[in-house]
Amino acid sequence: MEKLFVVGAGTMGRGIAQVAASVGSQVYLCDISMDVVKKSLDIIKIGLDKLVQKDKMTKSQANELLERIEPAVSYEKSAGSDFVIEAALEDVAIKQSIFRELDAIVPVHIVLASNTTSCSITEVASATQHPERVVGMHFYNPATLMQLVEIMPGILTTRDTLEKTRDLSIKYGKKPVVLEREGPAGITSRVLAGLLNEAVWVLFEGIADVEGIDKAIVLGCNHKMGPFTLMDMIGLDIHLAKTKMLFDKTGDARYRPCYLLEQMVTAGLLGRKAGRGFYDYSTDPAKVSDFFNR
């Protein structure tokens, strides 16, 4: 797998691109405009510069890695790639449109993978003529650090497609888990969605405050970060979309989104990417958002 084509230059897309480039792969990072892709490359460069400053890589290594990531604004280069990964918005219709176009361009023996956390692989694959080569390949944020890759088949995904995806994950230094069948949100995202959703309900019911709940989960469950810190990192809009999907697909009350979460997303309090969520990131260290203390 020498050439990787990545659709979507957001947080996950650029993380996957960096992971692939770090092991020597040529990467095409594609998005709707050159400005979007260049901004993403600038973010990668800032991160690499920090690693150079900490003596975790040389300046020459950082430059070589960046040179292996080529910006793109069309799917033309996907035709000559060895593997394709989509990391666009968590919207089935958007993903279906992307995969429909890729399916018409990319040779039939090449895998088309989606980094989705909540969209059905079978639904995404239904937009293609070759659903057998469509697979879920879920990297975890930050992709450059997290070792897990969950690989999920759609109902028509072949064993060969799963094996190619697993092999690529290993080449990228990851530890893949291949699911036996498709299920809403896979393993980790589904289990975490229930935990995170319950944390919001505990807060909403006034049982404890943001800091207390985060502290309890870190100290009592040995998690590296509390649920509200994690939701702010993921993005509250992404978490809300996931819980809504799970509630719709399973009918399980564990995934019924809390009204507070819906309020926060409506108000634009989306977490770190918006500067405010459960915490306010305009200060260092971050503090609990003021509206909780009214």
C-alpha atoms as a PDB file:
ATOM      1  CA  MET A   1       0.000   0.000   0.000  1.00  0.00           C
ATOM      2  CA  GLU A   2       2.179   2.841  -1.223  1.00  0.00           C
ATOM      3  CA  LYS A   3      -0.489   5.415  -2.150  1.00  0.00           C
ATOM      4  CA  LEU A   4      -3.368   6.406   0.101  1.00  0.00           C
ATOM      5  CA  PHE A   5      -6.215   8.704  -0.923  1.00  0.00           C
ATOM      6  CA  VAL A   6      -7.985  10.439   1.984  1.00  0.00           C
ATOM      7  CA  VAL A   7     -11.307  12.249   1.486  1.00  0.00           C
ATOM      8  CA  GLY A   8     -11.852  14.875   4.162  1.00  0.00           C
ATOM      9  CA  ALA A   9      -9.131  17.108   5.601  1.00  0.00           C
ATOM     10  CA  GLY A  10     -10.678  17.644   9.024  1.00  0.00           C
ATOM     11  CA  THR A  11      -9.343  16.398  12.350  1.00  0.00           C
ATOM     12  CA  MET A  12      -9.564  12.697  11.484  1.00  0.00           C
ATOM     13  CA  GLY A  13      -8.585  13.006   7.830  1.00  0.00           C
ATOM     14  CA  ARG A  14      -5.395  14.914   8.515  1.00  0.00           C
ATOM     15  CA  GLY A  15      -4.560  12.575  11.409  1.00  0.00           C
ATOM     16  CA  ILE A  16      -4.905   9.527   9.150  1.00  0.00           C
ATOM     17  CA  ALA A  17      -2.855  11.262   6.458  1.00  0.00           C
ATOM     18  CA  GLN A  18      -0.075  11.954   8.943  1.00  0.00           C
ATOM     19  CA  VAL A  19      -0.099   8.360  10.183  1.00  0.00           C
ATOM     20  CA  ALA A  20       0.218   7.016   6.636  1.00  0.00           C
ATOM     21  CA  ALA A  21       2.938   9.494   5.654  1.00  0.00           C
ATOM     22  CA  SER A  22       4.903   8.655   8.803  1.00  0.00           C
ATOM     23  CA  VAL A  23       5.450   5.083   7.556  1.00  0.00           C
ATOM     24  CA  GLY A  24       6.481   6.203   4.079  1.00  0.00           C
ATOM     25  CA  SER A  25       3.212   6.141   2.135  1.00  0.00           C
ATOM     26  CA  GLN A  26       2.392   8.772  -0.464  1.00  0.00           C
ATOM     27  CA  VAL A  27      -0.851  10.457   0.632  1.00  0.00           C
ATOM     28  CA  TYR A  28      -3.357  12.530  -1.300  1.00  0.00           C
ATOM     29  CA  LEU A  29      -5.408  14.627   1.146  1.00  0.00           C
ATOM     30  CA  CYS A  30      -8.603  15.829  -0.518  1.00  0.00           C
ATOM     31  CA  ASP A  31     -11.303  18.305   0.459  1.00  0.00           C
ATOM     32  CA  ILE A  32     -13.718  20.755  -1.182  1.00  0.00           C
ATOM     33  CA  SER A  33     -11.199  23.605  -1.510  1.00  0.00           C
ATOM     34  CA  MET A  34      -7.442  24.101  -1.543  1.00  0.00           C
ATOM     35  CA  ASP A  35      -7.761  26.560   1.349  1.00  0.00           C
ATOM     36  CA  VAL A  36      -9.286  23.842   3.540  1.00  0.00           C
ATOM     37  CA  VAL A  37      -6.530  21.353   2.696  1.00  0.00           C
ATOM     38  CA  LYS A  38      -3.723  23.888   3.158  1.00  0.00           C
ATOM     39  CA  LYS A  39      -5.121  24.915   6.534  1.00  0.00           C
ATOM     40  CA  SER A  40      -5.088  21.263   7.536  1.00  0.00           C
ATOM     41  CA  LEU A  41      -1.498  20.855   6.343  1.00  0.00           C
ATOM     42  CA  ASP A  42      -0.543  23.917   8.387  1.00  0.00           C
ATOM     43  CA  ILE A  43      -2.007  22.246  11.477  1.00  0.00           C
ATOM     44  CA  ILE A  44       0.017  19.102  10.757  1.00  0.00           C
ATOM     45  CA  LYS A  45       3.161  21.233  10.407  1.00  0.00           C
ATOM     46  CA  ILE A  46       2.536  22.944  13.741  1.00  0.00           C
ATOM     47  CA  GLY A  47       2.235  19.544  15.411  1.00  0.00           C
ATOM     48  CA  LEU A  48       5.404  18.262  13.743  1.00  0.00           C
ATOM     49  CA  ASP A  49       7.318  21.393  14.769  1.00  0.00           C
ATOM     50  CA  LYS A  50       6.395  20.663  18.391  1.00  0.00           C
ATOM     51  CA  LEU A  51       7.749  17.127  18.017  1.00  0.00           C
ATOM     52  CA  VAL A  52      10.995  18.537  16.599  1.00  0.00           C
ATOM     53  CA  GLN A  53      11.262  20.939  19.545  1.00  0.00           C
ATOM     54  CA  LYS A  54      10.853  17.984  21.921  1.00  0.00           C
ATOM     55  CA  ASP A  55      13.553  16.029  20.016  1.00  0.00           C
ATOM     56  CA  LYS A  56      11.026  13.324  19.057  1.00  0.00           C
ATOM     57  CA  MET A  57      11.911  13.712  15.376  1.00  0.00           C
ATOM     58  CA  THR A  58      14.406  15.679  13.329  1.00  0.00           C
ATOM     59  CA  LYS A  59      13.555  18.683  11.176  1.00  0.00           C
ATOM     60  CA  SER A  60      14.530  16.656   8.125  1.00  0.00           C
ATOM     61  CA  GLN A  61      12.119  13.853   9.093  1.00  0.00           C
ATOM     62  CA  ALA A  62       9.316  16.359   9.616  1.00  0.00           C
ATOM     63  CA  ASN A  63       9.917  17.942   6.212  1.00  0.00           C
ATOM     64  CA  GLU A  64      10.011  14.557   4.469  1.00  0.00           C
ATOM     65  CA  LEU A  65       6.731  13.551   6.111  1.00  0.00           C
ATOM     66  CA  LEU A  66       5.028  16.751   4.952  1.00  0.00           C
ATOM     67  CA  GLU A  67       6.368  16.299   1.427  1.00  0.00           C
ATOM     68  CA  ARG A  68       4.626  12.916   1.250  1.00  0.00           C
ATOM     69  CA  ILE A  69       1.200  14.560   1.751  1.00  0.00           C
ATOM     70  CA  GLU A  70      -0.098  16.092  -1.465  1.00  0.00           C
ATOM     71  CA  PRO A  71      -3.190  18.354  -1.435  1.00  0.00           C
ATOM     72  CA  ALA A  72      -6.096  17.550  -3.763  1.00  0.00           C
ATOM     73  CA  VAL A  73      -9.501  19.056  -4.548  1.00  0.00           C
ATOM     74  CA  SER A  74     -10.780  16.368  -6.913  1.00  0.00           C
ATOM     75  CA  TYR A  75     -10.961  12.578  -6.849  1.00  0.00           C
ATOM     76  CA  GLU A  76      -8.729  12.215  -9.924  1.00  0.00           C
ATOM     77  CA  LYS A  77      -5.719  10.854  -8.007  1.00  0.00           C
ATOM     78  CA  SER A  78      -7.893   8.233  -6.303  1.00  0.00           C
ATOM     79  CA  ALA A  79      -7.807   6.222  -9.537  1.00  0.00           C
ATOM     80  CA  GLY A  80      -4.103   5.516  -9.035  1.00  0.00           C
ATOM     81  CA  SER A  81      -4.220   4.934  -5.287  1.00  0.00           C
ATOM     82  CA  ASP A  82      -3.814   1.617  -3.484  1.00  0.00           C
ATOM     83  CA  PHE A  83      -6.406   2.316  -0.796  1.00  0.00           C
ATOM     84  CA  VAL A  84      -9.062   4.977  -0.184  1.00  0.00           C
ATOM     85  CA  ILE A  85     -10.285   6.245   3.192  1.00  0.00           C
ATOM     86  CA  GLU A  86     -13.196   8.659   3.588  1.00  0.00           C
ATOM     87  CA  ALA A  87     -13.282  10.866   6.697  1.00  0.00           C
ATOM     88  CA  ALA A  88     -16.024  13.355   5.837  1.00  0.00           C
ATOM     89  CA  LEU A  89     -18.994  14.565   7.870  1.00  0.00           C
ATOM     90  CA  GLU A  90     -21.080  11.980   9.746  1.00  0.00           C
ATOM     91  CA  ASP A  91     -23.983  12.134   7.311  1.00  0.00           C
ATOM     92  CA  VAL A  92     -25.084   9.073   5.341  1.00  0.00           C
ATOM     93  CA  ALA A  93     -26.267  11.104   2.336  1.00  0.00           C
ATOM     94  CA  ILE A  94     -22.936  12.938   2.097  1.00  0.00           C
ATOM     95  CA  LYS A  95     -20.980   9.707   2.386  1.00  0.00           C
ATOM     96  CA  GLN A  96     -23.170   7.989  -0.214  1.00  0.00           C
ATOM     97  CA  SER A  97     -22.494  10.821  -2.646  1.00  0.00           C
ATOM     98  CA  ILE A  98     -18.741  10.539  -2.058  1.00  0.00           C
ATOM     99  CA  PHE A  99     -18.685   6.756  -2.422  1.00  0.00           C
ATOM    100  CA  ARG A 100     -20.841   6.884  -5.556  1.00  0.00           C
ATOM    101  CA  GLU A 101     -18.238   9.132  -7.214  1.00  0.00           C
ATOM    102  CA  LEU A 102     -15.269   7.115  -5.947  1.00  0.00           C
ATOM    103  CA  ASP A 103     -16.842   3.851  -7.073  1.00  0.00           C
ATOM    104  CA  ALA A 104     -16.992   5.159 -10.633  1.00  0.00           C
ATOM    105  CA  ILE A 105     -13.309   6.190 -10.613  1.00  0.00           C
ATOM    106  CA  VAL A 106     -11.363   3.762  -8.437  1.00  0.00           C
ATOM    107  CA  PRO A 107     -10.504   0.296  -9.864  1.00  0.00           C
ATOM    108  CA  VAL A 108     -12.751  -2.444  -8.489  1.00  0.00           C
ATOM    109  CA  HIS A 109      -9.972  -4.272  -6.620  1.00  0.00           C
ATOM    110  CA  ILE A 110      -9.211  -1.224  -4.450  1.00  0.00           C
ATOM    111  CA  VAL A 111     -10.837  -0.968  -1.007  1.00  0.00           C
ATOM    112  CA  LEU A 112     -13.094   1.994  -0.238  1.00  0.00           C
ATOM    113  CA  ALA A 113     -13.086   2.522   3.536  1.00  0.00           C
ATOM    114  CA  SER A 114     -15.095   4.892   5.717  1.00  0.00           C
ATOM    115  CA  ASN A 115     -13.814   6.287   9.001  1.00  0.00           C
ATOM    116  CA  THR A 116     -17.397   6.598  10.198  1.00  0.00           C
ATOM    117  CA  THR A 117     -18.366   6.225  13.852  1.00  0.00           C
ATOM    118  CA  SER A 118     -22.124   6.131  13.402  1.00  0.00           C
ATOM    119  CA  CYS A 119     -23.182   5.717   9.766  1.00  0.00           C
ATOM    120  CA  SER A 120     -24.215   2.294   8.476  1.00  0.00           C
ATOM    121  CA  ILE A 121     -21.595   0.739   6.196  1.00  0.00           C
ATOM    122  CA  THR A 122     -24.351  -1.132   4.365  1.00  0.00           C
ATOM    123  CA  GLU A 123     -26.223   2.113   3.712  1.00  0.00           C
ATOM    124  CA  VAL A 124     -23.067   3.851   2.489  1.00  0.00           C
ATOM    125  CA  ALA A 125     -22.148   0.871   0.288  1.00  0.00           C
ATOM    126  CA  SER A 126     -25.641   0.785  -1.250  1.00  0.00           C
ATOM    127  CA  ALA A 127     -24.716   3.847  -3.317  1.00  0.00           C
ATOM    128  CA  THR A 128     -21.986   1.880  -5.126  1.00  0.00           C
ATOM    129  CA  GLN A 129     -21.907  -0.797  -7.800  1.00  0.00           C
ATOM    130  CA  HIS A 130     -19.333  -2.762  -5.791  1.00  0.00           C
ATOM    131  CA  PRO A 131     -20.512  -2.867  -2.160  1.00  0.00           C
ATOM    132  CA  GLU A 132     -18.265  -5.842  -1.487  1.00  0.00           C
ATOM    133  CA  ARG A 133     -15.202  -3.557  -1.373  1.00  0.00           C
ATOM    134  CA  VAL A 134     -16.715  -1.021   1.062  1.00  0.00           C
ATOM    135  CA  VAL A 135     -15.729  -1.306   4.732  1.00  0.00           C
ATOM    136  CA  GLY A 136     -15.694   0.657   7.968  1.00  0.00           C
ATOM    137  CA  MET A 137     -12.207   1.601   9.180  1.00  0.00           C
ATOM    138  CA  HIS A 138     -12.631   3.632  12.331  1.00  0.00           C
ATOM    139  CA  PHE A 139      -9.487   5.347  13.631  1.00  0.00           C
ATOM    140  CA  TYR A 140      -9.700   6.941  17.066  1.00  0.00           C
ATOM    141  CA  ASN A 141      -8.924  10.558  17.874  1.00  0.00           C
ATOM    142  CA  PRO A 142      -6.113  11.527  17.867  1.00  0.00           C
ATOM    143  CA  ALA A 143      -5.294   9.123  15.054  1.00  0.00           C
ATOM    144  CA  THR A 144      -1.569   9.786  15.442  1.00  0.00           C
ATOM    145  CA  LEU A 145      -1.583   8.445  19.002  1.00  0.00           C
ATOM    146  CA  MET A 146      -4.482   6.021  19.466  1.00  0.00           C
ATOM    147  CA  GLN A 147      -3.645   2.421  18.589  1.00  0.00           C
ATOM    148  CA  LEU A 148      -7.118   1.026  17.994  1.00  0.00           C
ATOM    149  CA  VAL A 149      -8.706   0.716  14.557  1.00  0.00           C
ATOM    150  CA  GLU A 150     -12.156  -0.892  14.496  1.00  0.00           C
ATOM    151  CA  ILE A 151     -12.894  -2.615  11.197  1.00  0.00           C
ATOM    152  CA  MET A 152     -16.578  -3.180  10.465  1.00  0.00           C
ATOM    153  CA  PRO A 153     -18.087  -5.026   7.489  1.00  0.00           C
ATOM    154  CA  GLY A 154     -21.289  -4.110   5.740  1.00  0.00           C
ATOM    155  CA  ILE A 155     -23.622  -6.983   4.954  1.00  0.00           C
ATOM    156  CA  LEU A 156     -21.928  -7.537   1.552  1.00  0.00           C
ATOM    157  CA  THR A 157     -18.298  -6.780   2.505  1.00  0.00           C
ATOM    158  CA  THR A 158     -15.974  -9.643   1.531  1.00  0.00           C
ATOM    159  CA  ARG A 159     -13.378 -11.362   3.700  1.00  0.00           C
ATOM    160  CA  ASP A 160     -10.684 -10.181   1.271  1.00  0.00           C
ATOM    161  CA  THR A 161     -11.708  -6.550   1.876  1.00  0.00           C
ATOM    162  CA  LEU A 162     -11.529  -7.064   5.653  1.00  0.00           C
ATOM    163  CA  GLU A 163      -8.094  -8.680   5.422  1.00  0.00           C
ATOM    164  CA  LYS A 164      -6.676  -5.892   3.249  1.00  0.00           C
ATOM    165  CA  THR A 165      -7.996  -3.317   5.710  1.00  0.00           C
ATOM    166  CA  ARG A 166      -6.586  -5.188   8.692  1.00  0.00           C
ATOM    167  CA  ASP A 167      -3.183  -5.533   6.999  1.00  0.00           C
ATOM    168  CA  LEU A 168      -3.055  -1.814   6.225  1.00  0.00           C
ATOM    169  CA  SER A 169      -3.937  -0.964   9.831  1.00  0.00           C
ATOM    170  CA  ILE A 170      -1.035  -3.084  11.039  1.00  0.00           C
ATOM    171  CA  LYS A 171       1.314  -1.437   8.546  1.00  0.00           C
ATOM    172  CA  TYR A 172       0.284   1.915  10.024  1.00  0.00           C
ATOM    173  CA  GLY A 173       1.330   0.695  13.467  1.00  0.00           C
ATOM    174  CA  LYS A 174      -2.218   0.167  14.737  1.00  0.00           C
ATOM    175  CA  LYS A 175      -3.873  -2.722  16.573  1.00  0.00           C
ATOM    176  CA  PRO A 176      -7.032  -3.553  14.611  1.00  0.00           C
ATOM    177  CA  VAL A 177     -10.149  -5.273  15.914  1.00  0.00           C
ATOM    178  CA  VAL A 178     -12.259  -6.855  13.165  1.00  0.00           C
ATOM    179  CA  LEU A 179     -15.963  -7.012  14.008  1.00  0.00           C
ATOM    180  CA  GLU A 180     -17.914 -10.158  13.180  1.00  0.00           C
ATOM    181  CA  ARG A 181     -20.841  -8.204  11.739  1.00  0.00           C
ATOM    182  CA  GLU A 182     -22.162  -4.675  11.395  1.00  0.00           C
ATOM    183  CA  GLY A 183     -23.763  -3.084  14.441  1.00  0.00           C
ATOM    184  CA  PRO A 184     -24.701   0.541  15.175  1.00  0.00           C
ATOM    185  CA  ALA A 185     -21.509   2.450  16.178  1.00  0.00           C
ATOM    186  CA  GLY A 186     -19.413  -0.698  16.544  1.00  0.00           C
ATOM    187  CA  ILE A 187     -17.857  -1.560  19.905  1.00  0.00           C
ATOM    188  CA  THR A 188     -16.111   1.362  21.552  1.00  0.00           C
ATOM    189  CA  SER A 189     -18.297   4.177  20.258  1.00  0.00           C
ATOM    190  CA  ARG A 190     -21.459   2.325  21.251  1.00  0.00           C
ATOM    191  CA  VAL A 191     -20.284   1.520  24.770  1.00  0.00           C
ATOM    192  CA  LEU A 192     -18.883   5.020  25.269  1.00  0.00           C
ATOM    193  CA  ALA A 193     -22.030   6.660  23.914  1.00  0.00           C
ATOM    194  CA  GLY A 194     -24.040   5.101  26.729  1.00  0.00           C
ATOM    195  CA  LEU A 195     -21.520   6.176  29.364  1.00  0.00           C
ATOM    196  CA  LEU A 196     -21.225   9.734  28.039  1.00  0.00           C
ATOM    197  CA  ASN A 197     -24.969  10.108  27.658  1.00  0.00           C
ATOM    198  CA  GLU A 198     -25.513   8.959  31.248  1.00  0.00           C
ATOM    199  CA  ALA A 199     -22.952  11.502  32.475  1.00  0.00           C
ATOM    200  CA  VAL A 200     -24.981  14.310  30.869  1.00  0.00           C
ATOM    201  CA  TRP A 201     -28.167  13.025  32.528  1.00  0.00           C
ATOM    202  CA  VAL A 202     -26.426  12.912  35.935  1.00  0.00           C
ATOM    203  CA  LEU A 203     -25.382  16.526  35.409  1.00  0.00           C
ATOM    204  CA  PHE A 204     -28.833  17.563  34.156  1.00  0.00           C
ATOM    205  CA  GLU A 205     -30.521  16.004  37.196  1.00  0.00           C
ATOM    206  CA  GLY A 206     -28.268  18.029  39.518  1.00  0.00           C
ATOM    207  CA  ILE A 207     -26.649  14.998  41.147  1.00  0.00           C
ATOM    208  CA  ALA A 208     -23.129  16.399  40.694  1.00  0.00           C
ATOM    209  CA  ASP A 209     -21.349  19.166  38.772  1.00  0.00           C
ATOM    210  CA  VAL A 210     -19.113  18.914  35.687  1.00  0.00           C
ATOM    211  CA  GLU A 211     -15.838  18.764  37.589  1.00  0.00           C
ATOM    212  CA  GLY A 212     -17.185  16.305  40.156  1.00  0.00           C
ATOM    213  CA  ILE A 213     -18.413  13.850  37.530  1.00  0.00           C
ATOM    214  CA  ASP A 214     -15.184  14.091  35.530  1.00  0.00           C
ATOM    215  CA  LYS A 215     -13.100  13.563  38.676  1.00  0.00           C
ATOM    216  CA  ALA A 216     -15.201  10.588  39.794  1.00  0.00           C
ATOM    217  CA  ILE A 217     -14.845   8.768  36.473  1.00  0.00           C
ATOM    218  CA  VAL A 218     -11.090   9.423  36.254  1.00  0.00           C
ATOM    219  CA  LEU A 219     -10.391   8.292  39.822  1.00  0.00           C
ATOM    220  CA  GLY A 220     -13.087   5.646  40.203  1.00  0.00           C
ATOM    221  CA  CYS A 221     -12.955   4.026  36.749  1.00  0.00           C
ATOM    222  CA  ASN A 222      -9.280   4.721  35.990  1.00  0.00           C
ATOM    223  CA  HIS A 223     -10.141   6.582  32.774  1.00  0.00           C
ATOM    224  CA  LYS A 224      -7.538   8.967  31.407  1.00  0.00           C
ATOM    225  CA  MET A 225     -10.105  11.765  31.152  1.00  0.00           C
ATOM    226  CA  GLY A 226     -13.589  12.457  32.387  1.00  0.00           C
ATOM    227  CA  PRO A 227     -16.706  12.189  30.194  1.00  0.00           C
ATOM    228  CA  PHE A 228     -17.163  15.951  29.758  1.00  0.00           C
ATOM    229  CA  THR A 229     -13.516  16.488  28.833  1.00  0.00           C
ATOM    230  CA  LEU A 230     -13.865  13.654  26.325  1.00  0.00           C
ATOM    231  CA  MET A 231     -17.113  14.990  24.830  1.00  0.00           C
ATOM    232  CA  ASP A 232     -15.517  18.413  24.419  1.00  0.00           C
ATOM    233  CA  MET A 233     -12.638  16.769  22.547  1.00  0.00           C
ATOM    234  CA  ILE A 234     -14.931  14.658  20.332  1.00  0.00           C
ATOM    235  CA  GLY A 235     -17.357  17.512  19.642  1.00  0.00           C
ATOM    236  CA  LEU A 236     -20.797  17.729  21.221  1.00  0.00           C
ATOM    237  CA  ASP A 237     -22.478  17.793  17.807  1.00  0.00           C
ATOM    238  CA  ILE A 238     -20.791  14.527  16.857  1.00  0.00           C
ATOM    239  CA  HIS A 239     -21.727  12.897  20.153  1.00  0.00           C
ATOM    240  CA  LEU A 240     -25.338  14.093  19.833  1.00  0.00           C
ATOM    241  CA  ALA A 241     -25.615  12.717  16.291  1.00  0.00           C
ATOM    242  CA  LYS A 242     -24.258   9.382  17.495  1.00  0.00           C
ATOM    243  CA  THR A 243     -26.686   9.065  20.403  1.00  0.00           C
ATOM    244  CA  LYS A 244     -29.612  10.032  18.182  1.00  0.00           C
ATOM    245  CA  MET A 245     -28.607   7.371  15.667  1.00  0.00           C
ATOM    246  CA  LEU A 246     -28.247   4.721  18.373  1.00  0.00           C
ATOM    247  CA  PHE A 247     -31.604   5.631  19.918  1.00  0.00           C
ATOM    248  CA  ASP A 248     -33.239   5.478  16.493  1.00  0.00           C
ATOM    249  CA  LYS A 249     -31.606   2.157  15.515  1.00  0.00           C
ATOM    250  CA  THR A 250     -31.949   0.312  18.835  1.00  0.00           C
ATOM    251  CA  GLY A 251     -34.845   2.044  20.616  1.00  0.00           C
ATOM    252  CA  ASP A 252     -32.769   1.686  23.804  1.00  0.00           C
ATOM    253  CA  ALA A 253     -33.440   4.440  26.369  1.00  0.00           C
ATOM    254  CA  ARG A 254     -29.751   4.435  27.314  1.00  0.00           C
ATOM    255  CA  TYR A 255     -29.141   6.426  24.160  1.00  0.00           C
ATOM    256  CA  ARG A 256     -32.006   8.920  24.504  1.00  0.00           C
ATOM    257  CA  PRO A 257     -30.161  12.263  24.196  1.00  0.00           C
ATOM    258  CA  CYS A 258     -30.400  14.556  27.180  1.00  0.00           C
ATOM    259  CA  TYR A 259     -32.176  17.879  26.523  1.00  0.00           C
ATOM    260  CA  LEU A 260     -29.133  19.730  27.917  1.00  0.00           C
ATOM    261  CA  LEU A 261     -26.925  18.246  25.194  1.00  0.00           C
ATOM    262  CA  GLU A 262     -29.381  19.348  22.494  1.00  0.00           C
ATOM    263  CA  GLN A 263     -29.453  22.865  24.008  1.00  0.00           C
ATOM    264  CA  MET A 264     -25.676  23.146  23.991  1.00  0.00           C
ATOM    265  CA  VAL A 265     -25.366  22.045  20.366  1.00  0.00           C
ATOM    266  CA  THR A 266     -28.105  24.490  19.328  1.00  0.00           C
ATOM    267  CA  ALA A 267     -26.221  27.282  21.140  1.00  0.00           C
ATOM    268  CA  GLY A 268     -22.976  26.407  19.319  1.00  0.00           C
ATOM    269  CA  LEU A 269     -21.241  25.132  22.460  1.00  0.00           C
ATOM    270  CA  LEU A 270     -19.562  22.275  20.625  1.00  0.00           C
ATOM    271  CA  GLY A 271     -16.450  21.782  22.735  1.00  0.00           C
ATOM    272  CA  ARG A 272     -12.793  22.494  22.013  1.00  0.00           C
ATOM    273  CA  LYS A 273     -13.311  23.260  18.323  1.00  0.00           C
ATOM    274  CA  ALA A 274     -15.750  26.032  19.245  1.00  0.00           C
ATOM    275  CA  GLY A 275     -13.737  27.303  22.212  1.00  0.00           C
ATOM    276  CA  ARG A 276     -16.518  26.372  24.642  1.00  0.00           C
ATOM    277  CA  GLY A 277     -18.469  23.304  25.601  1.00  0.00           C
ATOM    278  CA  PHE A 278     -18.740  21.882  29.073  1.00  0.00           C
ATOM    279  CA  TYR A 279     -15.471  23.746  29.630  1.00  0.00           C
ATOM    280  CA  ASP A 280     -14.375  27.221  28.493  1.00  0.00           C
ATOM    281  CA  TYR A 281     -11.059  27.023  26.624  1.00  0.00           C
ATOM    282  CA  SER A 282     -10.417  30.783  26.503  1.00  0.00           C
ATOM    283  CA  THR A 283      -8.407  30.386  29.707  1.00  0.00           C
ATOM    284  CA  ASP A 284      -5.433  28.181  30.539  1.00  0.00           C
ATOM    285  CA  PRO A 285      -6.199  25.918  32.251  1.00  0.00           C
ATOM    286  CA  ALA A 286      -9.757  25.610  30.973  1.00  0.00           C
ATOM    287  CA  LYS A 287     -12.566  26.247  33.452  1.00  0.00           C
ATOM    288  CA  VAL A 288     -16.157  25.029  33.617  1.00  0.00           C
ATOM    289  CA  SER A 289     -18.348  27.127  31.302  1.00  0.00           C
ATOM    290  CA  ASP A 290     -19.977  30.046  33.133  1.00  0.00           C
ATOM    291  CA  PHE A 291     -23.573  29.185  32.205  1.00  0.00           C
ATOM    292  CA  PHE A 292     -23.445  26.173  34.550  1.00  0.00           C
ATOM    293  CA  ASN A 293     -22.930  28.541  37.499  1.00  0.00           C
ATOM    294  CA  ARG A 294     -25.875  30.883  36.916  1.00  0.00           C
END
